């Protein structure tokens, strides 16, 4: 992995995590670091699922892959916020 690919994963993870957090109703008591981590994990899992389904390599923007990543980020932010809330 190069520095550029690591930075790219962090930026994409931050964007995916932020979108997921914005779409989840209510207040989430997690910080921005956890949001980025959830976004990175959601982006990786969403890409893997899209590759298995054969929708990851299209011309232009991969809307189906992006939608999968955002849905996974919403689920991930909800799970992490729920776990954090129950541990407090």
C-alpha atoms as a PDB file:
ATOM      1  CA  UNK A   1       0.000   0.000   0.000  1.00  0.00           C
ATOM      2  CA  UNK A   2       1.161   3.457  -0.799  1.00  0.00           C
ATOM      3  CA  UNK A   3       0.654   6.598   1.228  1.00  0.00           C
ATOM      4  CA  UNK A   4      -1.785   7.857  -1.410  1.00  0.00           C
ATOM      5  CA  UNK A   5      -3.975   4.740  -1.169  1.00  0.00           C
ATOM      6  CA  UNK A   6      -4.019   4.924   2.636  1.00  0.00           C
ATOM      7  CA  UNK A   7      -4.953   8.611   2.566  1.00  0.00           C
ATOM      8  CA  UNK A   8      -7.564   7.884  -0.089  1.00  0.00           C
ATOM      9  CA  UNK A   9      -9.121   5.159   2.089  1.00  0.00           C
ATOM     10  CA  UNK A  10      -9.243   7.560   5.043  1.00  0.00           C
ATOM     11  CA  UNK A  11     -10.886  10.312   2.984  1.00  0.00           C
ATOM     12  CA  UNK A  12     -13.409   7.946   1.399  1.00  0.00           C
ATOM     13  CA  UNK A  13     -14.082   6.382   4.793  1.00  0.00           C
ATOM     14  CA  UNK A  14     -14.669   9.805   6.305  1.00  0.00           C
ATOM     15  CA  UNK A  15     -17.129  10.733   3.569  1.00  0.00           C
ATOM     16  CA  UNK A  16     -18.982   7.396   3.658  1.00  0.00           C
ATOM     17  CA  UNK A  17     -19.088   7.464   7.484  1.00  0.00           C
ATOM     18  CA  UNK A  18     -20.321  11.057   7.555  1.00  0.00           C
ATOM     19  CA  UNK A  19     -23.076  10.315   5.039  1.00  0.00           C
ATOM     20  CA  UNK A  20     -24.081   7.241   7.013  1.00  0.00           C
ATOM     21  CA  UNK A  21     -24.160   9.257  10.214  1.00  0.00           C
ATOM     22  CA  UNK A  22     -26.228  12.027   8.609  1.00  0.00           C
ATOM     23  CA  UNK A  23     -28.792   9.551   7.284  1.00  0.00           C
ATOM     24  CA  UNK A  24     -29.214   7.829  10.652  1.00  0.00           C
ATOM     25  CA  UNK A  25     -31.933   9.625  12.617  1.00  0.00           C
ATOM     26  CA  UNK A  26     -31.250  10.786  16.160  1.00  0.00           C
ATOM     27  CA  UNK A  27     -28.078  11.686  17.966  1.00  0.00           C
ATOM     28  CA  UNK A  28     -25.102   9.337  17.799  1.00  0.00           C
ATOM     29  CA  UNK A  29     -22.714   9.592  20.729  1.00  0.00           C
ATOM     30  CA  UNK A  30     -19.610   8.572  18.771  1.00  0.00           C
ATOM     31  CA  UNK A  31     -16.672  10.710  17.792  1.00  0.00           C
ATOM     32  CA  UNK A  32     -15.300  11.501  14.387  1.00  0.00           C
ATOM     33  CA  UNK A  33     -12.568   8.850  14.652  1.00  0.00           C
ATOM     34  CA  UNK A  34     -15.135   6.074  15.102  1.00  0.00           C
ATOM     35  CA  UNK A  35     -17.184   7.572  12.280  1.00  0.00           C
ATOM     36  CA  UNK A  36     -14.178   7.385   9.946  1.00  0.00           C
ATOM     37  CA  UNK A  37     -13.348   3.831  11.055  1.00  0.00           C
ATOM     38  CA  UNK A  38     -16.942   2.716  10.474  1.00  0.00           C
ATOM     39  CA  UNK A  39     -16.867   4.442   7.075  1.00  0.00           C
ATOM     40  CA  UNK A  40     -13.633   2.690   6.053  1.00  0.00           C
ATOM     41  CA  UNK A  41     -14.969  -0.709   7.113  1.00  0.00           C
ATOM     42  CA  UNK A  42     -18.292  -0.054   5.341  1.00  0.00           C
ATOM     43  CA  UNK A  43     -16.462   1.018   2.171  1.00  0.00           C
ATOM     44  CA  UNK A  44     -14.299  -2.116   2.176  1.00  0.00           C
ATOM     45  CA  UNK A  45     -17.195  -4.491   2.832  1.00  0.00           C
ATOM     46  CA  UNK A  46     -19.419  -2.688   0.309  1.00  0.00           C
ATOM     47  CA  UNK A  47     -16.724  -2.947  -2.352  1.00  0.00           C
ATOM     48  CA  UNK A  48     -16.231  -6.657  -1.638  1.00  0.00           C
ATOM     49  CA  UNK A  49     -19.978  -7.320  -1.914  1.00  0.00           C
ATOM     50  CA  UNK A  50     -20.179  -5.289  -5.134  1.00  0.00           C
ATOM     51  CA  UNK A  51     -17.296  -7.280  -6.631  1.00  0.00           C
ATOM     52  CA  UNK A  52     -18.976 -10.576  -5.742  1.00  0.00           C
ATOM     53  CA  UNK A  53     -22.216  -9.377  -7.343  1.00  0.00           C
ATOM     54  CA  UNK A  54     -20.328  -8.090 -10.387  1.00  0.00           C
ATOM     55  CA  UNK A  55     -21.426  -4.463 -10.121  1.00  0.00           C
ATOM     56  CA  UNK A  56     -18.108  -2.936  -9.027  1.00  0.00           C
ATOM     57  CA  UNK A  57     -16.605  -2.453 -12.478  1.00  0.00           C
ATOM     58  CA  UNK A  58     -18.873  -0.212 -14.512  1.00  0.00           C
ATOM     59  CA  UNK A  59     -18.227   2.841 -16.627  1.00  0.00           C
ATOM     60  CA  UNK A  60     -18.484   6.018 -14.578  1.00  0.00           C
ATOM     61  CA  UNK A  61     -19.629   6.135 -10.971  1.00  0.00           C
ATOM     62  CA  UNK A  62     -20.560   2.813  -9.398  1.00  0.00           C
ATOM     63  CA  UNK A  63     -23.873   3.926  -7.876  1.00  0.00           C
ATOM     64  CA  UNK A  64     -24.872   0.468  -6.664  1.00  0.00           C
ATOM     65  CA  UNK A  65     -21.534   0.006  -4.898  1.00  0.00           C
ATOM     66  CA  UNK A  66     -21.798   3.467  -3.356  1.00  0.00           C
ATOM     67  CA  UNK A  67     -25.344   2.764  -2.153  1.00  0.00           C
ATOM     68  CA  UNK A  68     -24.182  -0.490  -0.542  1.00  0.00           C
ATOM     69  CA  UNK A  69     -21.349   1.321   1.222  1.00  0.00           C
ATOM     70  CA  UNK A  70     -23.672   4.017   2.574  1.00  0.00           C
ATOM     71  CA  UNK A  71     -26.265   1.482   3.788  1.00  0.00           C
ATOM     72  CA  UNK A  72     -23.498  -0.465   5.530  1.00  0.00           C
ATOM     73  CA  UNK A  73     -22.224   2.777   7.087  1.00  0.00           C
ATOM     74  CA  UNK A  74     -25.697   3.595   8.438  1.00  0.00           C
ATOM     75  CA  UNK A  75     -25.926   0.105   9.939  1.00  0.00           C
ATOM     76  CA  UNK A  76     -22.374   0.344  11.304  1.00  0.00           C
ATOM     77  CA  UNK A  77     -22.868   3.762  12.893  1.00  0.00           C
ATOM     78  CA  UNK A  78     -26.111   2.537  14.462  1.00  0.00           C
ATOM     79  CA  UNK A  79     -24.418  -0.572  15.870  1.00  0.00           C
ATOM     80  CA  UNK A  80     -21.398   1.304  17.228  1.00  0.00           C
ATOM     81  CA  UNK A  81     -23.562   4.059  18.747  1.00  0.00           C
ATOM     82  CA  UNK A  82     -25.833   1.428  20.302  1.00  0.00           C
ATOM     83  CA  UNK A  83     -22.902  -0.490  21.768  1.00  0.00           C
ATOM     84  CA  UNK A  84     -21.354   2.680  23.105  1.00  0.00           C
ATOM     85  CA  UNK A  85     -24.666   3.803  24.621  1.00  0.00           C
ATOM     86  CA  UNK A  86     -25.233   0.458  26.342  1.00  0.00           C
ATOM     87  CA  UNK A  87     -21.724   0.403  27.829  1.00  0.00           C
ATOM     88  CA  UNK A  88     -22.101   3.826  29.469  1.00  0.00           C
END
